[in-house]
N, C-alpha and C. Protein backbone atom coordinates (compact mmCIF):
# COMPACT_ATOMS: atom_id res chain seq x y z
N UNK A 1 6.04 -12.28 -31.54
CA UNK A 1 6.14 -10.93 -31.01
C UNK A 1 5.45 -10.82 -29.65
N UNK A 2 4.22 -11.29 -29.56
CA UNK A 2 3.49 -11.19 -28.30
C UNK A 2 4.07 -12.10 -27.23
N UNK A 3 4.60 -13.23 -27.66
CA UNK A 3 5.20 -14.14 -26.69
C UNK A 3 6.40 -13.49 -26.00
N UNK A 4 7.13 -12.66 -26.70
CA UNK A 4 8.26 -11.95 -26.09
C UNK A 4 7.77 -11.01 -25.00
N UNK A 5 6.64 -10.37 -25.23
CA UNK A 5 6.06 -9.48 -24.22
C UNK A 5 5.65 -10.27 -22.98
N UNK A 6 5.04 -11.41 -23.20
CA UNK A 6 4.63 -12.26 -22.09
C UNK A 6 5.85 -12.73 -21.30
N UNK A 7 6.89 -13.16 -22.01
CA UNK A 7 8.11 -13.60 -21.33
C UNK A 7 8.75 -12.48 -20.53
N UNK A 8 8.72 -11.28 -21.08
CA UNK A 8 9.28 -10.12 -20.37
C UNK A 8 8.51 -9.84 -19.07
N UNK A 9 7.19 -9.89 -19.15
CA UNK A 9 6.35 -9.68 -17.96
C UNK A 9 6.57 -10.78 -16.93
N UNK A 10 6.67 -12.02 -17.38
CA UNK A 10 6.93 -13.13 -16.47
C UNK A 10 8.28 -12.99 -15.77
N UNK A 11 9.28 -12.55 -16.50
CA UNK A 11 10.60 -12.36 -15.91
C UNK A 11 10.57 -11.25 -14.85
N UNK A 12 9.87 -10.16 -15.13
CA UNK A 12 9.75 -9.07 -14.15
C UNK A 12 9.00 -9.54 -12.91
N UNK A 13 7.93 -10.30 -13.11
CA UNK A 13 7.15 -10.82 -11.98
C UNK A 13 7.97 -11.81 -11.15
N UNK A 14 8.74 -12.65 -11.83
CA UNK A 14 9.59 -13.63 -11.13
C UNK A 14 10.65 -12.91 -10.29
N UNK A 15 11.26 -11.87 -10.85
CA UNK A 15 12.25 -11.11 -10.10
C UNK A 15 11.62 -10.42 -8.90
N UNK A 16 10.43 -9.85 -9.10
CA UNK A 16 9.72 -9.19 -8.01
C UNK A 16 9.40 -10.18 -6.89
N UNK A 17 8.92 -11.36 -7.25
CA UNK A 17 8.60 -12.37 -6.24
C UNK A 17 9.85 -12.83 -5.49
N UNK A 18 10.97 -12.94 -6.18
CA UNK A 18 12.23 -13.32 -5.52
C UNK A 18 12.64 -12.27 -4.48
N UNK A 19 12.49 -10.99 -4.84
CA UNK A 19 12.84 -9.92 -3.90
C UNK A 19 11.89 -9.91 -2.70
N UNK A 20 10.63 -10.12 -2.97
CA UNK A 20 9.63 -10.11 -1.89
C UNK A 20 9.83 -11.29 -0.96
N UNK A 21 10.21 -12.43 -1.49
CA UNK A 21 10.42 -13.63 -0.66
C UNK A 21 11.45 -13.36 0.44
N UNK A 22 12.41 -12.52 0.17
CA UNK A 22 13.41 -12.18 1.18
C UNK A 22 12.90 -11.24 2.25
N UNK A 23 11.69 -10.70 2.06
CA UNK A 23 11.12 -9.76 3.03
C UNK A 23 10.02 -10.38 3.90
N UNK A 24 9.79 -11.66 3.74
CA UNK A 24 8.75 -12.30 4.54
C UNK A 24 9.33 -12.48 5.94
N UNK A 25 9.08 -11.47 6.77
CA UNK A 25 9.65 -11.43 8.12
C UNK A 25 8.73 -10.62 9.03
N UNK A 26 9.23 -10.22 10.17
CA UNK A 26 8.42 -9.48 11.14
C UNK A 26 7.94 -8.14 10.60
N UNK A 27 8.72 -7.50 9.74
CA UNK A 27 8.28 -6.22 9.15
C UNK A 27 7.00 -6.40 8.35
N UNK A 28 6.91 -7.50 7.63
CA UNK A 28 5.70 -7.77 6.85
C UNK A 28 4.53 -8.08 7.79
N UNK A 29 4.81 -8.80 8.86
CA UNK A 29 3.77 -9.08 9.87
C UNK A 29 3.26 -7.78 10.48
N UNK A 30 4.19 -6.88 10.82
CA UNK A 30 3.81 -5.58 11.38
C UNK A 30 3.00 -4.75 10.39
N UNK A 31 3.38 -4.83 9.12
CA UNK A 31 2.67 -4.10 8.07
C UNK A 31 1.22 -4.57 7.99
N UNK A 32 1.03 -5.88 7.96
CA UNK A 32 -0.34 -6.42 7.92
C UNK A 32 -1.11 -6.08 9.19
N UNK A 33 -0.43 -6.07 10.33
CA UNK A 33 -1.09 -5.71 11.59
C UNK A 33 -1.58 -4.26 11.54
N UNK A 34 -0.80 -3.37 10.95
CA UNK A 34 -1.23 -1.98 10.80
C UNK A 34 -2.49 -1.90 9.96
N UNK A 35 -2.54 -2.64 8.88
CA UNK A 35 -3.74 -2.65 8.04
C UNK A 35 -4.92 -3.27 8.78
N UNK A 36 -4.67 -4.34 9.53
CA UNK A 36 -5.75 -5.01 10.25
C UNK A 36 -6.36 -4.13 11.35
N UNK A 37 -5.59 -3.19 11.88
CA UNK A 37 -6.08 -2.30 12.93
C UNK A 37 -6.99 -1.20 12.39
N UNK A 38 -7.10 -1.10 11.09
CA UNK A 38 -7.90 -0.05 10.46
C UNK A 38 -9.37 -0.22 10.86
N UNK A 39 -9.95 0.87 11.39
CA UNK A 39 -11.36 0.86 11.78
C UNK A 39 -12.24 1.54 10.74
N UNK A 40 -11.60 2.14 9.75
CA UNK A 40 -12.34 2.81 8.68
C UNK A 40 -12.04 2.16 7.35
N UNK A 41 -11.56 2.97 6.43
CA UNK A 41 -11.23 2.48 5.09
C UNK A 41 -9.72 2.47 4.90
N UNK A 42 -9.29 1.67 3.98
CA UNK A 42 -7.89 1.74 3.56
C UNK A 42 -7.86 2.70 2.37
N UNK A 43 -7.08 3.75 2.51
CA UNK A 43 -6.96 4.76 1.46
C UNK A 43 -5.64 4.52 0.75
N UNK A 44 -5.71 4.04 -0.46
CA UNK A 44 -4.51 3.72 -1.23
C UNK A 44 -4.06 4.98 -1.96
N UNK A 45 -2.82 5.37 -1.71
CA UNK A 45 -2.25 6.58 -2.31
C UNK A 45 -1.09 6.17 -3.23
N UNK A 46 -1.22 6.47 -4.50
CA UNK A 46 -0.16 6.18 -5.46
C UNK A 46 -0.23 7.21 -6.57
N UNK A 47 0.92 7.70 -7.00
CA UNK A 47 0.94 8.73 -8.02
C UNK A 47 1.90 8.37 -9.14
N UNK A 48 1.66 9.01 -10.28
CA UNK A 48 2.53 8.91 -11.44
C UNK A 48 2.86 7.47 -11.77
N UNK A 49 4.15 7.10 -11.75
CA UNK A 49 4.56 5.75 -12.14
C UNK A 49 4.09 4.69 -11.17
N UNK A 50 3.57 5.09 -10.03
CA UNK A 50 3.11 4.15 -9.01
C UNK A 50 1.61 3.85 -9.13
N UNK A 51 0.93 4.49 -10.06
CA UNK A 51 -0.53 4.30 -10.18
C UNK A 51 -0.90 2.86 -10.48
N UNK A 52 -0.13 2.20 -11.32
CA UNK A 52 -0.45 0.81 -11.67
C UNK A 52 -0.41 -0.07 -10.42
N UNK A 53 0.57 0.15 -9.57
CA UNK A 53 0.65 -0.60 -8.30
C UNK A 53 -0.57 -0.30 -7.44
N UNK A 54 -1.00 0.95 -7.42
CA UNK A 54 -2.19 1.33 -6.66
C UNK A 54 -3.45 0.67 -7.19
N UNK A 55 -3.57 0.65 -8.50
CA UNK A 55 -4.75 0.01 -9.11
C UNK A 55 -4.78 -1.48 -8.82
N UNK A 56 -3.63 -2.12 -8.88
CA UNK A 56 -3.53 -3.56 -8.63
C UNK A 56 -3.92 -3.87 -7.17
N UNK A 57 -3.44 -3.06 -6.26
CA UNK A 57 -3.74 -3.25 -4.84
C UNK A 57 -5.22 -2.97 -4.56
N UNK A 58 -5.74 -1.89 -5.13
CA UNK A 58 -7.14 -1.54 -4.97
C UNK A 58 -8.04 -2.66 -5.49
N UNK A 59 -7.69 -3.20 -6.64
CA UNK A 59 -8.47 -4.29 -7.22
C UNK A 59 -8.52 -5.50 -6.29
N UNK A 60 -7.38 -5.85 -5.73
CA UNK A 60 -7.35 -7.01 -4.83
C UNK A 60 -8.20 -6.76 -3.58
N UNK A 61 -8.15 -5.56 -3.04
CA UNK A 61 -8.93 -5.26 -1.83
C UNK A 61 -10.43 -5.23 -2.11
N UNK A 62 -10.82 -4.65 -3.23
CA UNK A 62 -12.25 -4.56 -3.53
C UNK A 62 -12.86 -5.91 -3.88
N UNK A 63 -12.06 -6.85 -4.35
CA UNK A 63 -12.59 -8.19 -4.66
C UNK A 63 -13.16 -8.85 -3.41
N UNK A 64 -12.64 -8.48 -2.24
CA UNK A 64 -13.13 -9.07 -0.99
C UNK A 64 -14.01 -8.08 -0.21
N UNK A 65 -14.52 -7.08 -0.91
CA UNK A 65 -15.40 -6.08 -0.30
C UNK A 65 -14.75 -5.34 0.87
N UNK A 66 -13.45 -5.13 0.81
CA UNK A 66 -12.76 -4.34 1.83
C UNK A 66 -13.08 -2.87 1.57
N UNK A 67 -13.51 -2.15 2.60
CA UNK A 67 -13.78 -0.72 2.41
C UNK A 67 -12.47 0.01 2.08
N UNK A 68 -12.38 0.55 0.87
CA UNK A 68 -11.16 1.25 0.48
C UNK A 68 -11.48 2.24 -0.64
N UNK A 69 -10.57 3.19 -0.78
CA UNK A 69 -10.63 4.11 -1.91
C UNK A 69 -9.22 4.24 -2.46
N UNK A 70 -9.13 4.69 -3.71
CA UNK A 70 -7.84 4.87 -4.37
C UNK A 70 -7.74 6.33 -4.78
N UNK A 71 -6.73 7.01 -4.28
CA UNK A 71 -6.51 8.41 -4.64
C UNK A 71 -5.13 8.54 -5.27
N UNK A 72 -5.02 9.47 -6.21
CA UNK A 72 -3.73 9.62 -6.86
C UNK A 72 -3.38 11.05 -7.20
N UNK A 73 -3.85 11.98 -6.41
CA UNK A 73 -3.37 13.35 -6.58
C UNK A 73 -3.35 14.06 -5.24
N UNK A 74 -2.50 15.07 -5.14
CA UNK A 74 -2.32 15.75 -3.87
C UNK A 74 -3.49 16.63 -3.50
N UNK A 75 -4.39 16.94 -4.44
CA UNK A 75 -5.56 17.75 -4.12
C UNK A 75 -6.46 17.04 -3.12
N UNK A 76 -6.38 15.74 -3.07
CA UNK A 76 -7.19 14.95 -2.14
C UNK A 76 -6.88 15.33 -0.70
N UNK A 77 -5.66 15.78 -0.45
CA UNK A 77 -5.25 16.05 0.91
C UNK A 77 -5.23 17.54 1.24
N UNK A 78 -6.00 18.32 0.50
CA UNK A 78 -6.14 19.74 0.82
C UNK A 78 -6.98 19.86 2.09
N UNK A 79 -6.72 20.91 2.89
CA UNK A 79 -7.43 21.05 4.18
C UNK A 79 -8.95 21.12 4.05
N UNK A 80 -9.47 21.57 2.92
CA UNK A 80 -10.92 21.72 2.79
C UNK A 80 -11.61 20.49 2.20
N UNK A 81 -10.87 19.44 1.95
CA UNK A 81 -11.46 18.22 1.39
C UNK A 81 -11.61 17.19 2.51
N UNK A 82 -12.84 16.80 2.75
CA UNK A 82 -13.09 15.81 3.81
C UNK A 82 -13.30 14.45 3.17
N UNK A 83 -12.19 13.85 2.78
CA UNK A 83 -12.24 12.56 2.12
C UNK A 83 -11.64 11.46 2.98
N UNK A 84 -10.71 11.83 3.83
CA UNK A 84 -10.01 10.88 4.67
C UNK A 84 -10.26 11.25 6.13
N UNK A 85 -10.52 10.25 6.95
CA UNK A 85 -10.88 10.48 8.34
C UNK A 85 -9.89 9.79 9.28
N UNK A 86 -9.86 10.20 10.55
CA UNK A 86 -8.89 9.62 11.49
C UNK A 86 -8.94 8.10 11.62
N UNK A 87 -10.09 7.50 11.40
CA UNK A 87 -10.20 6.04 11.54
C UNK A 87 -9.68 5.30 10.30
N UNK A 88 -9.39 6.04 9.23
CA UNK A 88 -8.86 5.43 8.00
C UNK A 88 -7.36 5.16 8.16
N UNK A 89 -6.87 4.23 7.35
CA UNK A 89 -5.44 3.94 7.27
C UNK A 89 -4.98 4.23 5.86
N UNK A 90 -3.93 5.03 5.73
CA UNK A 90 -3.39 5.34 4.41
C UNK A 90 -2.34 4.32 4.05
N UNK A 91 -2.43 3.83 2.84
CA UNK A 91 -1.46 2.88 2.30
C UNK A 91 -0.76 3.58 1.14
N UNK A 92 0.47 4.03 1.38
CA UNK A 92 1.25 4.75 0.39
C UNK A 92 2.11 3.78 -0.41
N UNK A 93 1.94 3.81 -1.72
CA UNK A 93 2.76 3.00 -2.63
C UNK A 93 3.58 3.98 -3.46
N UNK A 94 4.87 4.08 -3.15
CA UNK A 94 5.69 5.07 -3.82
C UNK A 94 7.15 4.66 -3.85
N UNK A 95 7.72 4.61 -5.02
CA UNK A 95 9.14 4.31 -5.09
C UNK A 95 9.97 5.49 -4.58
N UNK A 96 9.43 6.71 -4.67
CA UNK A 96 10.18 7.88 -4.23
C UNK A 96 10.12 8.05 -2.71
N UNK A 97 8.93 8.26 -2.18
CA UNK A 97 8.77 8.42 -0.74
C UNK A 97 9.19 9.77 -0.21
N UNK A 98 9.53 10.73 -1.10
CA UNK A 98 9.98 12.02 -0.59
C UNK A 98 9.62 13.20 -1.49
N UNK A 99 8.61 13.07 -2.32
CA UNK A 99 8.23 14.18 -3.19
C UNK A 99 7.47 15.24 -2.41
N UNK A 100 7.24 16.39 -3.04
CA UNK A 100 6.48 17.47 -2.40
C UNK A 100 5.08 16.99 -2.01
N UNK A 101 4.48 16.20 -2.86
CA UNK A 101 3.15 15.66 -2.57
C UNK A 101 3.19 14.83 -1.30
N UNK A 102 4.22 14.05 -1.15
CA UNK A 102 4.32 13.22 0.04
C UNK A 102 4.50 14.07 1.29
N UNK A 103 5.19 15.18 1.17
CA UNK A 103 5.34 16.08 2.32
C UNK A 103 3.97 16.58 2.75
N UNK A 104 3.14 16.93 1.78
CA UNK A 104 1.77 17.38 2.06
C UNK A 104 0.97 16.24 2.70
N UNK A 105 1.11 15.05 2.17
CA UNK A 105 0.43 13.88 2.69
C UNK A 105 0.87 13.59 4.13
N UNK A 106 2.16 13.69 4.39
CA UNK A 106 2.68 13.40 5.72
C UNK A 106 2.18 14.41 6.75
N UNK A 107 2.07 15.68 6.36
CA UNK A 107 1.49 16.68 7.26
C UNK A 107 0.03 16.32 7.56
N UNK A 108 -0.67 15.90 6.51
CA UNK A 108 -2.07 15.52 6.65
C UNK A 108 -2.21 14.34 7.63
N UNK A 109 -1.37 13.35 7.48
CA UNK A 109 -1.40 12.17 8.36
C UNK A 109 -1.19 12.62 9.81
N UNK A 110 -0.24 13.50 10.01
CA UNK A 110 0.04 13.99 11.37
C UNK A 110 -1.16 14.75 11.93
N UNK A 111 -1.73 15.65 11.13
CA UNK A 111 -2.86 16.47 11.60
C UNK A 111 -4.10 15.63 11.86
N UNK A 112 -4.38 14.66 10.99
CA UNK A 112 -5.58 13.83 11.13
C UNK A 112 -5.39 12.63 12.06
N UNK A 113 -4.14 12.39 12.41
CA UNK A 113 -3.78 11.24 13.26
C UNK A 113 -4.19 9.91 12.64
N UNK A 114 -4.05 9.84 11.33
CA UNK A 114 -4.31 8.59 10.60
C UNK A 114 -3.10 7.69 10.74
N UNK A 115 -3.32 6.42 10.56
CA UNK A 115 -2.20 5.48 10.48
C UNK A 115 -1.69 5.49 9.04
N UNK A 116 -0.39 5.28 8.89
CA UNK A 116 0.22 5.25 7.58
C UNK A 116 1.05 3.98 7.46
N UNK A 117 0.76 3.22 6.42
CA UNK A 117 1.58 2.06 6.04
C UNK A 117 2.18 2.42 4.68
N UNK A 118 3.51 2.38 4.58
CA UNK A 118 4.16 2.84 3.36
C UNK A 118 5.06 1.76 2.75
N UNK A 119 5.02 1.70 1.44
CA UNK A 119 5.96 0.87 0.69
C UNK A 119 6.73 1.83 -0.20
N UNK A 120 8.02 1.98 0.06
CA UNK A 120 8.87 2.86 -0.72
C UNK A 120 10.17 2.13 -1.06
N UNK A 121 11.00 2.77 -1.87
CA UNK A 121 12.29 2.16 -2.20
C UNK A 121 13.37 2.53 -1.20
N UNK A 122 13.09 3.49 -0.33
CA UNK A 122 14.11 3.98 0.60
C UNK A 122 13.60 3.94 2.04
N UNK A 123 14.13 3.04 2.87
CA UNK A 123 13.69 2.98 4.26
C UNK A 123 14.04 4.23 5.07
N UNK A 124 14.86 5.11 4.50
CA UNK A 124 15.22 6.36 5.18
C UNK A 124 14.45 7.56 4.63
N UNK A 125 13.51 7.33 3.73
CA UNK A 125 12.72 8.43 3.16
C UNK A 125 11.81 9.02 4.23
N UNK A 126 11.38 10.28 4.05
CA UNK A 126 10.46 10.89 5.02
C UNK A 126 9.20 10.05 5.25
N UNK A 127 8.65 9.49 4.17
CA UNK A 127 7.44 8.67 4.31
C UNK A 127 7.71 7.43 5.15
N UNK A 128 8.84 6.79 4.92
CA UNK A 128 9.18 5.58 5.66
C UNK A 128 9.39 5.89 7.14
N UNK A 129 10.01 7.02 7.43
CA UNK A 129 10.29 7.38 8.82
C UNK A 129 9.02 7.73 9.60
N UNK A 130 8.02 8.27 8.92
CA UNK A 130 6.78 8.67 9.59
C UNK A 130 5.79 7.51 9.68
N UNK A 131 5.92 6.56 8.78
CA UNK A 131 4.96 5.46 8.69
C UNK A 131 4.95 4.60 9.96
N UNK A 132 3.78 4.10 10.28
CA UNK A 132 3.64 3.16 11.39
C UNK A 132 4.29 1.82 11.03
N UNK A 133 4.29 1.51 9.72
CA UNK A 133 4.97 0.32 9.23
C UNK A 133 5.46 0.61 7.82
N UNK A 134 6.58 -0.03 7.46
CA UNK A 134 7.20 0.24 6.16
C UNK A 134 7.78 -1.03 5.57
N UNK A 135 7.66 -1.15 4.26
CA UNK A 135 8.32 -2.21 3.50
C UNK A 135 9.04 -1.58 2.33
N UNK A 136 10.03 -2.28 1.81
CA UNK A 136 10.85 -1.76 0.72
C UNK A 136 10.54 -2.47 -0.59
N UNK A 137 10.38 -1.68 -1.65
CA UNK A 137 10.22 -2.19 -3.01
C UNK A 137 11.27 -1.49 -3.87
N UNK A 138 11.92 -2.24 -4.74
CA UNK A 138 13.02 -1.67 -5.51
C UNK A 138 12.68 -1.34 -6.96
N UNK A 139 11.50 -1.74 -7.42
CA UNK A 139 11.12 -1.49 -8.81
C UNK A 139 9.60 -1.37 -8.90
N UNK A 140 9.10 -0.79 -9.99
CA UNK A 140 7.64 -0.75 -10.16
C UNK A 140 7.00 -2.13 -10.10
N UNK A 141 7.66 -3.14 -10.67
CA UNK A 141 7.10 -4.50 -10.64
C UNK A 141 7.03 -5.01 -9.21
N UNK A 142 8.08 -4.78 -8.43
CA UNK A 142 8.09 -5.22 -7.04
C UNK A 142 7.02 -4.49 -6.24
N UNK A 143 6.88 -3.18 -6.47
CA UNK A 143 5.88 -2.38 -5.77
C UNK A 143 4.48 -2.91 -6.04
N UNK A 144 4.16 -3.16 -7.30
CA UNK A 144 2.83 -3.66 -7.66
C UNK A 144 2.57 -5.04 -7.11
N UNK A 145 3.55 -5.92 -7.22
CA UNK A 145 3.38 -7.29 -6.73
C UNK A 145 3.27 -7.31 -5.21
N UNK A 146 4.09 -6.53 -4.53
CA UNK A 146 4.04 -6.49 -3.07
C UNK A 146 2.71 -5.94 -2.59
N UNK A 147 2.24 -4.85 -3.20
CA UNK A 147 0.93 -4.30 -2.83
C UNK A 147 -0.18 -5.31 -3.02
N UNK A 148 -0.15 -5.99 -4.16
CA UNK A 148 -1.17 -6.99 -4.47
C UNK A 148 -1.13 -8.15 -3.48
N UNK A 149 0.06 -8.68 -3.20
CA UNK A 149 0.18 -9.81 -2.27
C UNK A 149 -0.27 -9.43 -0.86
N UNK A 150 0.09 -8.23 -0.43
CA UNK A 150 -0.34 -7.78 0.90
C UNK A 150 -1.86 -7.62 0.96
N UNK A 151 -2.44 -7.11 -0.12
CA UNK A 151 -3.89 -6.97 -0.16
C UNK A 151 -4.57 -8.33 -0.07
N UNK A 152 -4.04 -9.31 -0.80
CA UNK A 152 -4.60 -10.66 -0.74
C UNK A 152 -4.45 -11.26 0.66
N UNK A 153 -3.27 -11.09 1.26
CA UNK A 153 -3.04 -11.62 2.62
C UNK A 153 -3.96 -10.91 3.62
N UNK A 154 -4.14 -9.60 3.46
CA UNK A 154 -5.04 -8.84 4.32
C UNK A 154 -6.46 -9.38 4.21
N UNK A 155 -6.93 -9.61 2.99
CA UNK A 155 -8.28 -10.14 2.80
C UNK A 155 -8.45 -11.49 3.49
N UNK A 156 -7.45 -12.35 3.36
CA UNK A 156 -7.52 -13.66 4.00
C UNK A 156 -7.51 -13.55 5.52
N UNK A 157 -6.67 -12.67 6.05
CA UNK A 157 -6.62 -12.48 7.50
C UNK A 157 -7.94 -11.92 8.01
N UNK A 158 -8.53 -11.01 7.26
CA UNK A 158 -9.81 -10.43 7.64
C UNK A 158 -10.92 -11.48 7.65
N UNK A 159 -10.91 -12.36 6.65
CA UNK A 159 -11.90 -13.44 6.61
C UNK A 159 -11.72 -14.40 7.78
N UNK A 160 -10.47 -14.73 8.12
CA UNK A 160 -10.22 -15.61 9.27
C UNK A 160 -10.70 -14.96 10.56
N UNK A 161 -10.44 -13.67 10.71
CA UNK A 161 -10.87 -12.95 11.92
C UNK A 161 -12.41 -12.93 12.01
N UNK A 162 -13.06 -12.68 10.90
CA UNK A 162 -14.52 -12.67 10.87
C UNK A 162 -15.08 -14.04 11.24
N UNK A 163 -14.48 -15.11 10.69
CA UNK A 163 -14.92 -16.47 11.01
C UNK A 163 -14.71 -16.78 12.48
N UNK A 164 -13.58 -16.38 13.03
CA UNK A 164 -13.28 -16.63 14.45
C UNK A 164 -14.24 -15.84 15.34
N UNK A 165 -14.56 -14.60 14.96
CA UNK A 165 -15.48 -13.78 15.74
C UNK A 165 -16.90 -14.36 15.75
N UNK A 166 -17.27 -15.01 14.65
CA UNK A 166 -18.60 -15.58 14.56
C UNK A 166 -18.71 -16.92 15.25
N UNK A 167 -17.58 -17.56 15.51
CA UNK A 167 -17.59 -18.90 16.12
C UNK A 167 -17.85 -18.84 17.61
């Protein structure tokens, strides 16, 4: 019984990795560059069915002591909440990319002049169009795996930059 669950998870992960392999291109390079330009914290935004992807990405970033926070409700972006600052970069993980919450988030990004890196299922979504960089994920498994892989690559790039700066 449990082996079937493991096989199912492995199949989903394998499919996600196959889809991501086709995206290893300049868009992914630009996405990482947007994250690398962050002078503050990376603010991971994921809601509802996307929370698991957010948790996975947050976990990978915190393992390397990357300054980041994970938020998952629209109250975070109310005008009276000072949680996100202009030097922060928002990392939106959302298969939808066009919910009411995202509209509120996008207004916030514009007003605060934060950078936005978005992973959505629709490159024509409002979030994708406003984002400084965008990648496409077609399923929750792809979203979680892509977020995690980008976080790992970001951590490695940050370590290389730190080593080069110290040399």
